[in-house]
Amino acid sequence: MILNRDEYLRRLLDRYCELPHTAARRPSRNDRLLAGQLFQRRIPLDVIETAFLLAIARRTFRDPQAQPLPSIRSLAYFLPLIDEALRQPPDPDYLAYVRSRGDLNVQSPTELHDR
């Protein structure tokens, strides 16, 4: 399914604001600008969703004795993980396993596309 720019931005930014560990209830101006750049770069939403999943999993499953991390305050936080997912996509079985944990609240790419 090919999305127009407005629909792409709406889905991406809505999902970003729904993620655990984020402080955003509404996307900032910089978040909207970055989302537009991701659209221009033709970054698929499933790649962005993979970056969301990796980030939230790494934050959730880190050493419980470690200092708590501050909330994610910008969509830019995910840029290195988007690049990572483009460069070296994670094994689909690993992503399915992480999603199956149930404690991440991160939707599958299909759910992000179909909303």
PDB file of N, CA and C in Angstrom:
ATOM      1  N   MET A   1       0.833  -1.171   0.000  1.00  0.00           N
ATOM      2  CA  MET A   1       0.000   0.000   0.000  1.00  0.00           C
ATOM      3  C   MET A   1       0.885   1.245   0.000  1.00  0.00           C
ATOM      4  N   ILE A   2       0.659   2.127  -0.940  1.00  0.00           N
ATOM      5  CA  ILE A   2       1.423   3.364  -1.038  1.00  0.00           C
ATOM      6  C   ILE A   2       0.622   4.470  -0.359  1.00  0.00           C
ATOM      7  N   LEU A   3       1.271   5.157   0.544  1.00  0.00           N
ATOM      8  CA  LEU A   3       0.620   6.218   1.299  1.00  0.00           C
ATOM      9  C   LEU A   3       1.035   7.578   0.768  1.00  0.00           C
ATOM     10  N   ASN A   4       0.096   8.510   0.798  1.00  0.00           N
ATOM     11  CA  ASN A   4       0.473   9.880   0.464  1.00  0.00           C
ATOM     12  C   ASN A   4       1.213  10.472   1.658  1.00  0.00           C
ATOM     13  N   ARG A   5       1.789  11.632   1.463  1.00  0.00           N
ATOM     14  CA  ARG A   5       2.621  12.247   2.494  1.00  0.00           C
ATOM     15  C   ARG A   5       1.852  12.470   3.794  1.00  0.00           C
ATOM     16  N   ASP A   6       0.653  13.007   3.706  1.00  0.00           N
ATOM     17  CA  ASP A   6      -0.111  13.304   4.922  1.00  0.00           C
ATOM     18  C   ASP A   6      -0.424  12.041   5.714  1.00  0.00           C
ATOM     19  N   GLU A   7      -0.805  10.985   5.034  1.00  0.00           N
ATOM     20  CA  GLU A   7      -1.140   9.734   5.720  1.00  0.00           C
ATOM     21  C   GLU A   7       0.112   9.111   6.338  1.00  0.00           C
ATOM     22  N   TYR A   8       1.215   9.142   5.608  1.00  0.00           N
ATOM     23  CA  TYR A   8       2.492   8.631   6.121  1.00  0.00           C
ATOM     24  C   TYR A   8       2.868   9.363   7.403  1.00  0.00           C
ATOM     25  N   LEU A   9       2.840  10.699   7.364  1.00  0.00           N
ATOM     26  CA  LEU A   9       3.197  11.487   8.534  1.00  0.00           C
ATOM     27  C   LEU A   9       2.252  11.218   9.688  1.00  0.00           C
ATOM     28  N   ARG A  10       0.963  11.152   9.422  1.00  0.00           N
ATOM     29  CA  ARG A  10      -0.006  10.906  10.482  1.00  0.00           C
ATOM     30  C   ARG A  10       0.268   9.578  11.172  1.00  0.00           C
ATOM     31  N   ARG A  11       0.446   8.521  10.388  1.00  0.00           N
ATOM     32  CA  ARG A  11       0.686   7.198  10.974  1.00  0.00           C
ATOM     33  C   ARG A  11       1.990   7.151  11.757  1.00  0.00           C
ATOM     34  N   LEU A  12       3.044   7.703  11.175  1.00  0.00           N
ATOM     35  CA  LEU A  12       4.341   7.679  11.844  1.00  0.00           C
ATOM     36  C   LEU A  12       4.286   8.475  13.150  1.00  0.00           C
ATOM     37  N   LEU A  13       3.774   9.683  13.104  1.00  0.00           N
ATOM     38  CA  LEU A  13       3.779  10.539  14.287  1.00  0.00           C
ATOM     39  C   LEU A  13       2.803  10.063  15.356  1.00  0.00           C
ATOM     40  N   ASP A  14       1.657   9.537  14.945  1.00  0.00           N
ATOM     41  CA  ASP A  14       0.731   8.964  15.930  1.00  0.00           C
ATOM     42  C   ASP A  14       1.399   7.816  16.664  1.00  0.00           C
ATOM     43  N   ARG A  15       2.047   6.946  15.920  1.00  0.00           N
ATOM     44  CA  ARG A  15       2.688   5.785  16.530  1.00  0.00           C
ATOM     45  C   ARG A  15       3.825   6.207  17.452  1.00  0.00           C
ATOM     46  N   TYR A  16       4.622   7.155  16.993  1.00  0.00           N
ATOM     47  CA  TYR A  16       5.726   7.657  17.828  1.00  0.00           C
ATOM     48  C   TYR A  16       5.186   8.162  19.169  1.00  0.00           C
ATOM     49  N   CYS A  17       4.125   8.922  19.138  1.00  0.00           N
ATOM     50  CA  CYS A  17       3.578   9.492  20.381  1.00  0.00           C
ATOM     51  C   CYS A  17       2.951   8.430  21.281  1.00  0.00           C
ATOM     52  N   GLU A  18       2.573   7.279  20.729  1.00  0.00           N
ATOM     53  CA  GLU A  18       1.978   6.193  21.513  1.00  0.00           C
ATOM     54  C   GLU A  18       3.015   5.278  22.156  1.00  0.00           C
ATOM     55  N   LEU A  19       4.254   5.370  21.717  1.00  0.00           N
ATOM     56  CA  LEU A  19       5.282   4.446  22.205  1.00  0.00           C
ATOM     57  C   LEU A  19       5.535   4.607  23.693  1.00  0.00           C
ATOM     58  N   PRO A  20       5.821   3.480  24.362  1.00  0.00           N
ATOM     59  CA  PRO A  20       6.298   3.605  25.738  1.00  0.00           C
ATOM     60  C   PRO A  20       7.678   4.263  25.721  1.00  0.00           C
ATOM     61  N   HIS A  21       8.055   4.867  26.800  1.00  0.00           N
ATOM     62  CA  HIS A  21       9.357   5.519  26.979  1.00  0.00           C
ATOM     63  C   HIS A  21       9.456   6.864  26.263  1.00  0.00           C
ATOM     64  N   THR A  22       8.388   7.327  25.622  1.00  0.00           N
ATOM     65  CA  THR A  22       8.439   8.643  24.990  1.00  0.00           C
ATOM     66  C   THR A  22       7.675   9.648  25.842  1.00  0.00           C
ATOM     67  N   ALA A  23       8.151  10.882  25.805  1.00  0.00           N
ATOM     68  CA  ALA A  23       7.516  11.942  26.571  1.00  0.00           C
ATOM     69  C   ALA A  23       6.460  12.671  25.736  1.00  0.00           C
ATOM     70  N   ALA A  24       6.479  12.460  24.435  1.00  0.00           N
ATOM     71  CA  ALA A  24       5.614  13.226  23.531  1.00  0.00           C
ATOM     72  C   ALA A  24       4.161  12.782  23.616  1.00  0.00           C
ATOM     73  N   ARG A  25       3.301  13.725  23.789  1.00  0.00           N
ATOM     74  CA  ARG A  25       1.862  13.475  23.656  1.00  0.00           C
ATOM     75  C   ARG A  25       1.398  14.007  22.307  1.00  0.00           C
ATOM     76  N   ARG A  26       2.151  15.005  21.835  1.00  0.00           N
ATOM     77  CA  ARG A  26       1.948  15.557  20.500  1.00  0.00           C
ATOM     78  C   ARG A  26       3.328  15.727  19.883  1.00  0.00           C
ATOM     79  N   PRO A  27       3.441  15.494  18.581  1.00  0.00           N
ATOM     80  CA  PRO A  27       4.757  15.659  17.958  1.00  0.00           C
ATOM     81  C   PRO A  27       5.165  17.135  17.930  1.00  0.00           C
ATOM     82  N   SER A  28       6.431  17.363  18.138  1.00  0.00           N
ATOM     83  CA  SER A  28       6.954  18.728  18.071  1.00  0.00           C
ATOM     84  C   SER A  28       7.102  19.147  16.610  1.00  0.00           C
ATOM     85  N   ARG A  29       7.392  20.398  16.425  1.00  0.00           N
ATOM     86  CA  ARG A  29       7.648  20.909  15.074  1.00  0.00           C
ATOM     87  C   ARG A  29       8.831  20.152  14.451  1.00  0.00           C
ATOM     88  N   ASN A  30       9.885  19.933  15.239  1.00  0.00           N
ATOM     89  CA  ASN A  30      11.051  19.202  14.730  1.00  0.00           C
ATOM     90  C   ASN A  30      10.705  17.760  14.388  1.00  0.00           C
ATOM     91  N   ASP A  31       9.828  17.133  15.174  1.00  0.00           N
ATOM     92  CA  ASP A  31       9.389  15.773  14.863  1.00  0.00           C
ATOM     93  C   ASP A  31       8.649  15.743  13.529  1.00  0.00           C
ATOM     94  N   ARG A  32       7.789  16.730  13.305  1.00  0.00           N
ATOM     95  CA  ARG A  32       7.042  16.782  12.038  1.00  0.00           C
ATOM     96  C   ARG A  32       7.991  17.010  10.865  1.00  0.00           C
ATOM     97  N   LEU A  33       8.976  17.884  11.053  1.00  0.00           N
ATOM     98  CA  LEU A  33       9.953  18.120   9.979  1.00  0.00           C
ATOM     99  C   LEU A  33      10.744  16.850   9.674  1.00  0.00           C
ATOM    100  N   LEU A  34      11.176  16.156  10.713  1.00  0.00           N
ATOM    101  CA  LEU A  34      11.934  14.926  10.518  1.00  0.00           C
ATOM    102  C   LEU A  34      11.074  13.855   9.848  1.00  0.00           C
ATOM    103  N   ALA A  35       9.825  13.745  10.241  1.00  0.00           N
ATOM    104  CA  ALA A  35       8.930  12.781   9.597  1.00  0.00           C
ATOM    105  C   ALA A  35       8.803  13.087   8.101  1.00  0.00           C
ATOM    106  N   GLY A  36       8.731  14.360   7.764  1.00  0.00           N
ATOM    107  CA  GLY A  36       8.690  14.750   6.352  1.00  0.00           C
ATOM    108  C   GLY A  36       9.966  14.357   5.612  1.00  0.00           C
ATOM    109  N   GLN A  37      11.093  14.490   6.284  1.00  0.00           N
ATOM    110  CA  GLN A  37      12.365  14.083   5.673  1.00  0.00           C
ATOM    111  C   GLN A  37      12.414  12.572   5.471  1.00  0.00           C
ATOM    112  N   LEU A  38      11.891  11.818   6.423  1.00  0.00           N
ATOM    113  CA  LEU A  38      11.853  10.360   6.280  1.00  0.00           C
ATOM    114  C   LEU A  38      10.964   9.972   5.099  1.00  0.00           C
ATOM    115  N   PHE A  39       9.856  10.686   4.929  1.00  0.00           N
ATOM    116  CA  PHE A  39       8.987  10.443   3.769  1.00  0.00           C
ATOM    117  C   PHE A  39       9.746  10.740   2.482  1.00  0.00           C
ATOM    118  N   GLN A  40      10.446  11.879   2.442  1.00  0.00           N
ATOM    119  CA  GLN A  40      11.218  12.249   1.246  1.00  0.00           C
ATOM    120  C   GLN A  40      12.303  11.231   0.940  1.00  0.00           C
ATOM    121  N   ARG A  41      12.877  10.657   1.974  1.00  0.00           N
ATOM    122  CA  ARG A  41      13.909   9.619   1.792  1.00  0.00           C
ATOM    123  C   ARG A  41      13.299   8.276   1.423  1.00  0.00           C
ATOM    124  N   ARG A  42      11.979   8.207   1.434  1.00  0.00           N
ATOM    125  CA  ARG A  42      11.233   6.980   1.113  1.00  0.00           C
ATOM    126  C   ARG A  42      11.562   5.838   2.074  1.00  0.00           C
ATOM    127  N   ILE A  43      11.684   6.184   3.343  1.00  0.00           N
ATOM    128  CA  ILE A  43      11.938   5.169   4.362  1.00  0.00           C
ATOM    129  C   ILE A  43      10.604   4.467   4.635  1.00  0.00           C
ATOM    130  N   PRO A  44      10.521   3.176   4.381  1.00  0.00           N
ATOM    131  CA  PRO A  44       9.258   2.461   4.615  1.00  0.00           C
ATOM    132  C   PRO A  44       8.857   2.488   6.091  1.00  0.00           C
ATOM    133  N   LEU A  45       7.555   2.552   6.328  1.00  0.00           N
ATOM    134  CA  LEU A  45       7.065   2.558   7.698  1.00  0.00           C
ATOM    135  C   LEU A  45       7.465   1.298   8.452  1.00  0.00           C
ATOM    136  N   ASP A  46       7.597   0.171   7.757  1.00  0.00           N
ATOM    137  CA  ASP A  46       7.990  -1.042   8.481  1.00  0.00           C
ATOM    138  C   ASP A  46       9.426  -0.946   8.982  1.00  0.00           C
ATOM    139  N   VAL A  47      10.284  -0.211   8.283  1.00  0.00           N
ATOM    140  CA  VAL A  47      11.657   0.009   8.764  1.00  0.00           C
ATOM    141  C   VAL A  47      11.635   0.897  10.007  1.00  0.00           C
ATOM    142  N   ILE A  48      10.794   1.915   9.983  1.00  0.00           N
ATOM    143  CA  ILE A  48      10.677   2.798  11.141  1.00  0.00           C
ATOM    144  C   ILE A  48      10.095   2.031  12.322  1.00  0.00           C
ATOM    145  N   GLU A  49       9.106   1.200  12.063  1.00  0.00           N
ATOM    146  CA  GLU A  49       8.521   0.395  13.135  1.00  0.00           C
ATOM    147  C   GLU A  49       9.561  -0.573  13.708  1.00  0.00           C
ATOM    148  N   THR A  50      10.418  -1.116  12.864  1.00  0.00           N
ATOM    149  CA  THR A  50      11.507  -1.972  13.352  1.00  0.00           C
ATOM    150  C   THR A  50      12.431  -1.173  14.270  1.00  0.00           C
ATOM    151  N   ALA A  51      12.751   0.053  13.883  1.00  0.00           N
ATOM    152  CA  ALA A  51      13.598   0.903  14.737  1.00  0.00           C
ATOM    153  C   ALA A  51      12.916   1.184  16.068  1.00  0.00           C
ATOM    154  N   PHE A  52      11.612   1.452  16.030  1.00  0.00           N
ATOM    155  CA  PHE A  52      10.863   1.652  17.278  1.00  0.00           C
ATOM    156  C   PHE A  52      10.962   0.409  18.152  1.00  0.00           C
ATOM    157  N   LEU A  53      10.738  -0.748  17.551  1.00  0.00           N
ATOM    158  CA  LEU A  53      10.759  -2.007  18.292  1.00  0.00           C
ATOM    159  C   LEU A  53      12.132  -2.255  18.917  1.00  0.00           C
ATOM    160  N   LEU A  54      13.189  -2.071  18.144  1.00  0.00           N
ATOM    161  CA  LEU A  54      14.539  -2.282  18.665  1.00  0.00           C
ATOM    162  C   LEU A  54      14.845  -1.337  19.828  1.00  0.00           C
ATOM    163  N   ALA A  55      14.492  -0.086  19.672  1.00  0.00           N
ATOM    164  CA  ALA A  55      14.772   0.888  20.736  1.00  0.00           C
ATOM    165  C   ALA A  55      14.016   0.558  22.011  1.00  0.00           C
ATOM    166  N   ILE A  56      12.731   0.282  21.883  1.00  0.00           N
ATOM    167  CA  ILE A  56      11.926   0.006  23.069  1.00  0.00           C
ATOM    168  C   ILE A  56      12.369  -1.301  23.713  1.00  0.00           C
ATOM    169  N   ALA A  57      12.709  -2.307  22.907  1.00  0.00           N
ATOM    170  CA  ALA A  57      13.191  -3.577  23.466  1.00  0.00           C
ATOM    171  C   ALA A  57      14.501  -3.370  24.220  1.00  0.00           C
ATOM    172  N   ARG A  58      15.408  -2.631  23.655  1.00  0.00           N
ATOM    173  CA  ARG A  58      16.699  -2.407  24.311  1.00  0.00           C
ATOM    174  C   ARG A  58      16.531  -1.637  25.614  1.00  0.00           C
ATOM    175  N   ARG A  59      15.605  -0.710  25.634  1.00  0.00           N
ATOM    176  CA  ARG A  59      15.358   0.047  26.863  1.00  0.00           C
ATOM    177  C   ARG A  59      14.648  -0.823  27.901  1.00  0.00           C
ATOM    178  N   THR A  60      13.710  -1.637  27.458  1.00  0.00           N
ATOM    179  CA  THR A  60      12.907  -2.464  28.365  1.00  0.00           C
ATOM    180  C   THR A  60      13.723  -3.592  28.972  1.00  0.00           C
ATOM    181  N   PHE A  61      14.574  -4.228  28.174  1.00  0.00           N
ATOM    182  CA  PHE A  61      15.283  -5.427  28.604  1.00  0.00           C
ATOM    183  C   PHE A  61      16.684  -5.148  29.134  1.00  0.00           C
ATOM    184  N   ARG A  62      17.002  -3.897  29.417  1.00  0.00           N
ATOM    185  CA  ARG A  62      18.341  -3.586  29.927  1.00  0.00           C
ATOM    186  C   ARG A  62      18.446  -3.991  31.401  1.00  0.00           C
ATOM    187  N   ASP A  63      19.628  -3.975  31.897  1.00  0.00           N
ATOM    188  CA  ASP A  63      19.905  -4.378  33.278  1.00  0.00           C
ATOM    189  C   ASP A  63      19.024  -3.595  34.250  1.00  0.00           C
ATOM    190  N   PRO A  64      18.228  -4.278  35.039  1.00  0.00           N
ATOM    191  CA  PRO A  64      17.340  -3.576  35.974  1.00  0.00           C
ATOM    192  C   PRO A  64      18.101  -2.804  37.057  1.00  0.00           C
ATOM    193  N   GLN A  65      19.357  -3.124  37.249  1.00  0.00           N
ATOM    194  CA  GLN A  65      20.167  -2.410  38.242  1.00  0.00           C
ATOM    195  C   GLN A  65      20.743  -1.100  37.690  1.00  0.00           C
ATOM    196  N   ALA A  66      20.667  -0.921  36.368  1.00  0.00           N
ATOM    197  CA  ALA A  66      21.223   0.286  35.749  1.00  0.00           C
ATOM    198  C   ALA A  66      20.359   1.503  36.080  1.00  0.00           C
ATOM    199  N   GLN A  67      20.985   2.672  36.003  1.00  0.00           N
ATOM    200  CA  GLN A  67      20.258   3.924  36.210  1.00  0.00           C
ATOM    201  C   GLN A  67      19.099   3.996  35.214  1.00  0.00           C
ATOM    202  N   PRO A  68      17.942   4.476  35.634  1.00  0.00           N
ATOM    203  CA  PRO A  68      16.835   4.653  34.693  1.00  0.00           C
ATOM    204  C   PRO A  68      17.208   5.642  33.583  1.00  0.00           C
ATOM    205  N   LEU A  69      16.752   5.355  32.399  1.00  0.00           N
ATOM    206  CA  LEU A  69      17.001   6.251  31.269  1.00  0.00           C
ATOM    207  C   LEU A  69      15.941   7.348  31.239  1.00  0.00           C
ATOM    208  N   PRO A  70      16.315   8.531  30.767  1.00  0.00           N
ATOM    209  CA  PRO A  70      15.303   9.578  30.621  1.00  0.00           C
ATOM    210  C   PRO A  70      14.341   9.222  29.477  1.00  0.00           C
ATOM    211  N   SER A  71      13.199   9.856  29.478  1.00  0.00           N
ATOM    212  CA  SER A  71      12.222   9.634  28.413  1.00  0.00           C
ATOM    213  C   SER A  71      12.798  10.048  27.064  1.00  0.00           C
ATOM    214  N   ILE A  72      12.311   9.398  26.026  1.00  0.00           N
ATOM    215  CA  ILE A  72      12.664   9.777  24.651  1.00  0.00           C
ATOM    216  C   ILE A  72      11.886  11.051  24.336  1.00  0.00           C
ATOM    217  N   ARG A  73      12.585  12.089  23.935  1.00  0.00           N
ATOM    218  CA  ARG A  73      11.939  13.379  23.722  1.00  0.00           C
ATOM    219  C   ARG A  73      11.912  13.830  22.273  1.00  0.00           C
ATOM    220  N   SER A  74      12.430  12.988  21.364  1.00  0.00           N
ATOM    221  CA  SER A  74      12.485  13.407  19.967  1.00  0.00           C
ATOM    222  C   SER A  74      12.474  12.182  19.049  1.00  0.00           C
ATOM    223  N   LEU A  75      11.811  12.333  17.932  1.00  0.00           N
ATOM    224  CA  LEU A  75      11.831  11.293  16.905  1.00  0.00           C
ATOM    225  C   LEU A  75      13.263  11.048  16.422  1.00  0.00           C
ATOM    226  N   ALA A  76      14.100  12.066  16.529  1.00  0.00           N
ATOM    227  CA  ALA A  76      15.501  11.939  16.107  1.00  0.00           C
ATOM    228  C   ALA A  76      16.247  10.850  16.881  1.00  0.00           C
ATOM    229  N   TYR A  77      15.789  10.526  18.076  1.00  0.00           N
ATOM    230  CA  TYR A  77      16.381   9.456  18.877  1.00  0.00           C
ATOM    231  C   TYR A  77      16.472   8.157  18.060  1.00  0.00           C
ATOM    232  N   PHE A  78      15.513   7.943  17.176  1.00  0.00           N
ATOM    233  CA  PHE A  78      15.417   6.687  16.441  1.00  0.00           C
ATOM    234  C   PHE A  78      16.244   6.663  15.153  1.00  0.00           C
ATOM    235  N   LEU A  79      16.830   7.801  14.759  1.00  0.00           N
ATOM    236  CA  LEU A  79      17.572   7.832  13.487  1.00  0.00           C
ATOM    237  C   LEU A  79      18.684   6.794  13.399  1.00  0.00           C
ATOM    238  N   PRO A  80      19.536   6.623  14.415  1.00  0.00           N
ATOM    239  CA  PRO A  80      20.574   5.588  14.297  1.00  0.00           C
ATOM    240  C   PRO A  80      19.979   4.185  14.136  1.00  0.00           C
ATOM    241  N   LEU A  81      18.850   3.936  14.766  1.00  0.00           N
ATOM    242  CA  LEU A  81      18.220   2.618  14.643  1.00  0.00           C
ATOM    243  C   LEU A  81      17.540   2.437  13.287  1.00  0.00           C
ATOM    244  N   ILE A  82      17.031   3.516  12.716  1.00  0.00           N
ATOM    245  CA  ILE A  82      16.485   3.447  11.359  1.00  0.00           C
ATOM    246  C   ILE A  82      17.609   3.103  10.395  1.00  0.00           C
ATOM    247  N   ASP A  83      18.755   3.798  10.537  1.00  0.00           N
ATOM    248  CA  ASP A  83      19.910   3.498   9.682  1.00  0.00           C
ATOM    249  C   ASP A  83      20.379   2.057   9.881  1.00  0.00           C
ATOM    250  N   GLU A  84      20.395   1.611  11.130  1.00  0.00           N
ATOM    251  CA  GLU A  84      20.788   0.230  11.426  1.00  0.00           C
ATOM    252  C   GLU A  84      19.842  -0.759  10.746  1.00  0.00           C
ATOM    253  N   ALA A  85      18.544  -0.512  10.832  1.00  0.00           N
ATOM    254  CA  ALA A  85      17.554  -1.413  10.238  1.00  0.00           C
ATOM    255  C   ALA A  85      17.647  -1.418   8.715  1.00  0.00           C
ATOM    256  N   LEU A  86      18.041  -0.303   8.121  1.00  0.00           N
ATOM    257  CA  LEU A  86      18.236  -0.253   6.667  1.00  0.00           C
ATOM    258  C   LEU A  86      19.505  -0.996   6.257  1.00  0.00           C
ATOM    259  N   ARG A  87      20.567  -0.774   7.026  1.00  0.00           N
ATOM    260  CA  ARG A  87      21.880  -1.364   6.719  1.00  0.00           C
ATOM    261  C   ARG A  87      21.898  -2.862   6.951  1.00  0.00           C
ATOM    262  N   GLN A  88      21.339  -3.263   8.068  1.00  0.00           N
ATOM    263  CA  GLN A  88      21.392  -4.673   8.460  1.00  0.00           C
ATOM    264  C   GLN A  88      20.070  -5.039   9.142  1.00  0.00           C
ATOM    265  N   PRO A  89      19.059  -5.366   8.336  1.00  0.00           N
ATOM    266  CA  PRO A  89      17.748  -5.691   8.921  1.00  0.00           C
ATOM    267  C   PRO A  89      17.852  -6.859   9.896  1.00  0.00           C
ATOM    268  N   PRO A  90      17.196  -6.744  11.056  1.00  0.00           N
ATOM    269  CA  PRO A  90      17.237  -7.843  12.020  1.00  0.00           C
ATOM    270  C   PRO A  90      16.503  -9.071  11.484  1.00  0.00           C
ATOM    271  N   ASP A  91      16.873 -10.208  11.998  1.00  0.00           N
ATOM    272  CA  ASP A  91      16.229 -11.461  11.627  1.00  0.00           C
ATOM    273  C   ASP A  91      14.733 -11.376  11.960  1.00  0.00           C
ATOM    274  N   PRO A  92      13.861 -11.714  11.013  1.00  0.00           N
ATOM    275  CA  PRO A  92      12.410 -11.657  11.280  1.00  0.00           C
ATOM    276  C   PRO A  92      11.981 -12.519  12.473  1.00  0.00           C
ATOM    277  N   ASP A  93      12.677 -13.633  12.708  1.00  0.00           N
ATOM    278  CA  ASP A  93      12.349 -14.471  13.866  1.00  0.00           C
ATOM    279  C   ASP A  93      12.653 -13.743  15.176  1.00  0.00           C
ATOM    280  N   TYR A  94      13.737 -12.970  15.189  1.00  0.00           N
ATOM    281  CA  TYR A  94      14.057 -12.192  16.381  1.00  0.00           C
ATOM    282  C   TYR A  94      12.980 -11.133  16.629  1.00  0.00           C
ATOM    283  N   LEU A  95      12.568 -10.449  15.567  1.00  0.00           N
ATOM    284  CA  LEU A  95      11.523  -9.431  15.716  1.00  0.00           C
ATOM    285  C   LEU A  95      10.217 -10.056  16.197  1.00  0.00           C
ATOM    286  N   ALA A  96       9.887 -11.221  15.665  1.00  0.00           N
ATOM    287  CA  ALA A  96       8.664 -11.911  16.116  1.00  0.00           C
ATOM    288  C   ALA A  96       8.777 -12.288  17.589  1.00  0.00           C
ATOM    289  N   TYR A  97       9.940 -12.743  17.991  1.00  0.00           N
ATOM    290  CA  TYR A  97      10.154 -13.088  19.398  1.00  0.00           C
ATOM    291  C   TYR A  97       9.976 -11.864  20.290  1.00  0.00           C
ATOM    292  N   VAL A  98      10.598 -10.763  19.914  1.00  0.00           N
ATOM    293  CA  VAL A  98      10.507  -9.557  20.730  1.00  0.00           C
ATOM    294  C   VAL A  98       9.058  -9.089  20.814  1.00  0.00           C
ATOM    295  N   ARG A  99       8.351  -9.107  19.684  1.00  0.00           N
ATOM    296  CA  ARG A  99       6.936  -8.714  19.701  1.00  0.00           C
ATOM    297  C   ARG A  99       6.111  -9.647  20.578  1.00  0.00           C
ATOM    298  N   SER A 100       6.460 -10.928  20.585  1.00  0.00           N
ATOM    299  CA  SER A 100       5.677 -11.908  21.341  1.00  0.00           C
ATOM    300  C   SER A 100       5.806 -11.712  22.850  1.00  0.00           C
ATOM    301  N   ARG A 101       6.801 -10.970  23.261  1.00  0.00           N
ATOM    302  CA  ARG A 101       7.007 -10.738  24.695  1.00  0.00           C
ATOM    303  C   ARG A 101       5.796 -10.056  25.325  1.00  0.00           C
ATOM    304  N   GLY A 102       5.092  -9.242  24.558  1.00  0.00           N
ATOM    305  CA  GLY A 102       3.869  -8.634  25.048  1.00  0.00           C
ATOM    306  C   GLY A 102       4.061  -7.455  25.984  1.00  0.00           C
ATOM    307  N   ASP A 103       5.266  -7.222  26.466  1.00  0.00           N
ATOM    308  CA  ASP A 103       5.457  -6.127  27.414  1.00  0.00           C
ATOM    309  C   ASP A 103       6.056  -4.880  26.756  1.00  0.00           C
ATOM    310  N   LEU A 104       6.043  -4.838  25.426  1.00  0.00           N
ATOM    311  CA  LEU A 104       6.639  -3.697  24.741  1.00  0.00           C
ATOM    312  C   LEU A 104       5.619  -2.709  24.194  1.00  0.00           C
ATOM    313  N   ASN A 105       4.404  -3.169  23.907  1.00  0.00           N
ATOM    314  CA  ASN A 105       3.381  -2.305  23.321  1.00  0.00           C
ATOM    315  C   ASN A 105       3.854  -1.702  22.004  1.00  0.00           C
ATOM    316  N   VAL A 106       4.493  -2.505  21.172  1.00  0.00           N
ATOM    317  CA  VAL A 106       4.947  -2.056  19.862  1.00  0.00           C
ATOM    318  C   VAL A 106       4.244  -2.909  18.821  1.00  0.00           C
ATOM    319  N   GLN A 107       3.497  -2.226  17.948  1.00  0.00           N
ATOM    320  CA  GLN A 107       2.696  -2.924  16.954  1.00  0.00           C
ATOM    321  C   GLN A 107       3.561  -3.511  15.843  1.00  0.00           C
ATOM    322  N   SER A 108       2.952  -4.437  15.123  1.00  0.00           N
ATOM    323  CA  SER A 108       3.626  -4.985  13.947  1.00  0.00           C
ATOM    324  C   SER A 108       3.551  -3.960  12.830  1.00  0.00           C
ATOM    325  N   PRO A 109       4.435  -4.047  11.835  1.00  0.00           N
ATOM    326  CA  PRO A 109       4.397  -3.108  10.710  1.00  0.00           C
ATOM    327  C   PRO A 109       3.047  -3.106  10.010  1.00  0.00           C
ATOM    328  N   THR A 110       2.402  -4.263   9.902  1.00  0.00           N
ATOM    329  CA  THR A 110       1.093  -4.329   9.248  1.00  0.00           C
ATOM    330  C   THR A 110       0.087  -3.465   9.979  1.00  0.00           C
ATOM    331  N   GLU A 111       0.120  -3.490  11.304  1.00  0.00           N
ATOM    332  CA  GLU A 111      -0.813  -2.674  12.068  1.00  0.00           C
ATOM    333  C   GLU A 111      -0.530  -1.192  11.849  1.00  0.00           C
ATOM    334  N   LEU A 112       0.715  -0.812  11.727  1.00  0.00           N
ATOM    335  CA  LEU A 112       1.045   0.580  11.481  1.00  0.00           C
ATOM    336  C   LEU A 112       0.532   0.994  10.107  1.00  0.00           C
ATOM    337  N   HIS A 113       0.651   0.123   9.113  1.00  0.00           N
ATOM    338  CA  HIS A 113       0.194   0.426   7.761  1.00  0.00           C
ATOM    339  C   HIS A 113      -1.324   0.490   7.662  1.00  0.00           C
ATOM    340  N   ASP A 114      -2.034  -0.369   8.384  1.00  0.00           N
ATOM    341  CA  ASP A 114      -3.471  -0.520   8.198  1.00  0.00           C
ATOM    342  C   ASP A 114      -4.323   0.391   9.038  1.00  0.00           C
ATOM    343  N   ARG A 115      -3.731   1.202   9.870  1.00  0.00           N
ATOM    344  CA  ARG A 115      -4.546   2.051  10.741  1.00  0.00           C
ATOM    345  C   ARG A 115      -5.260   3.113   9.976  1.00  0.00           C
TER     346      ARG A 115
END
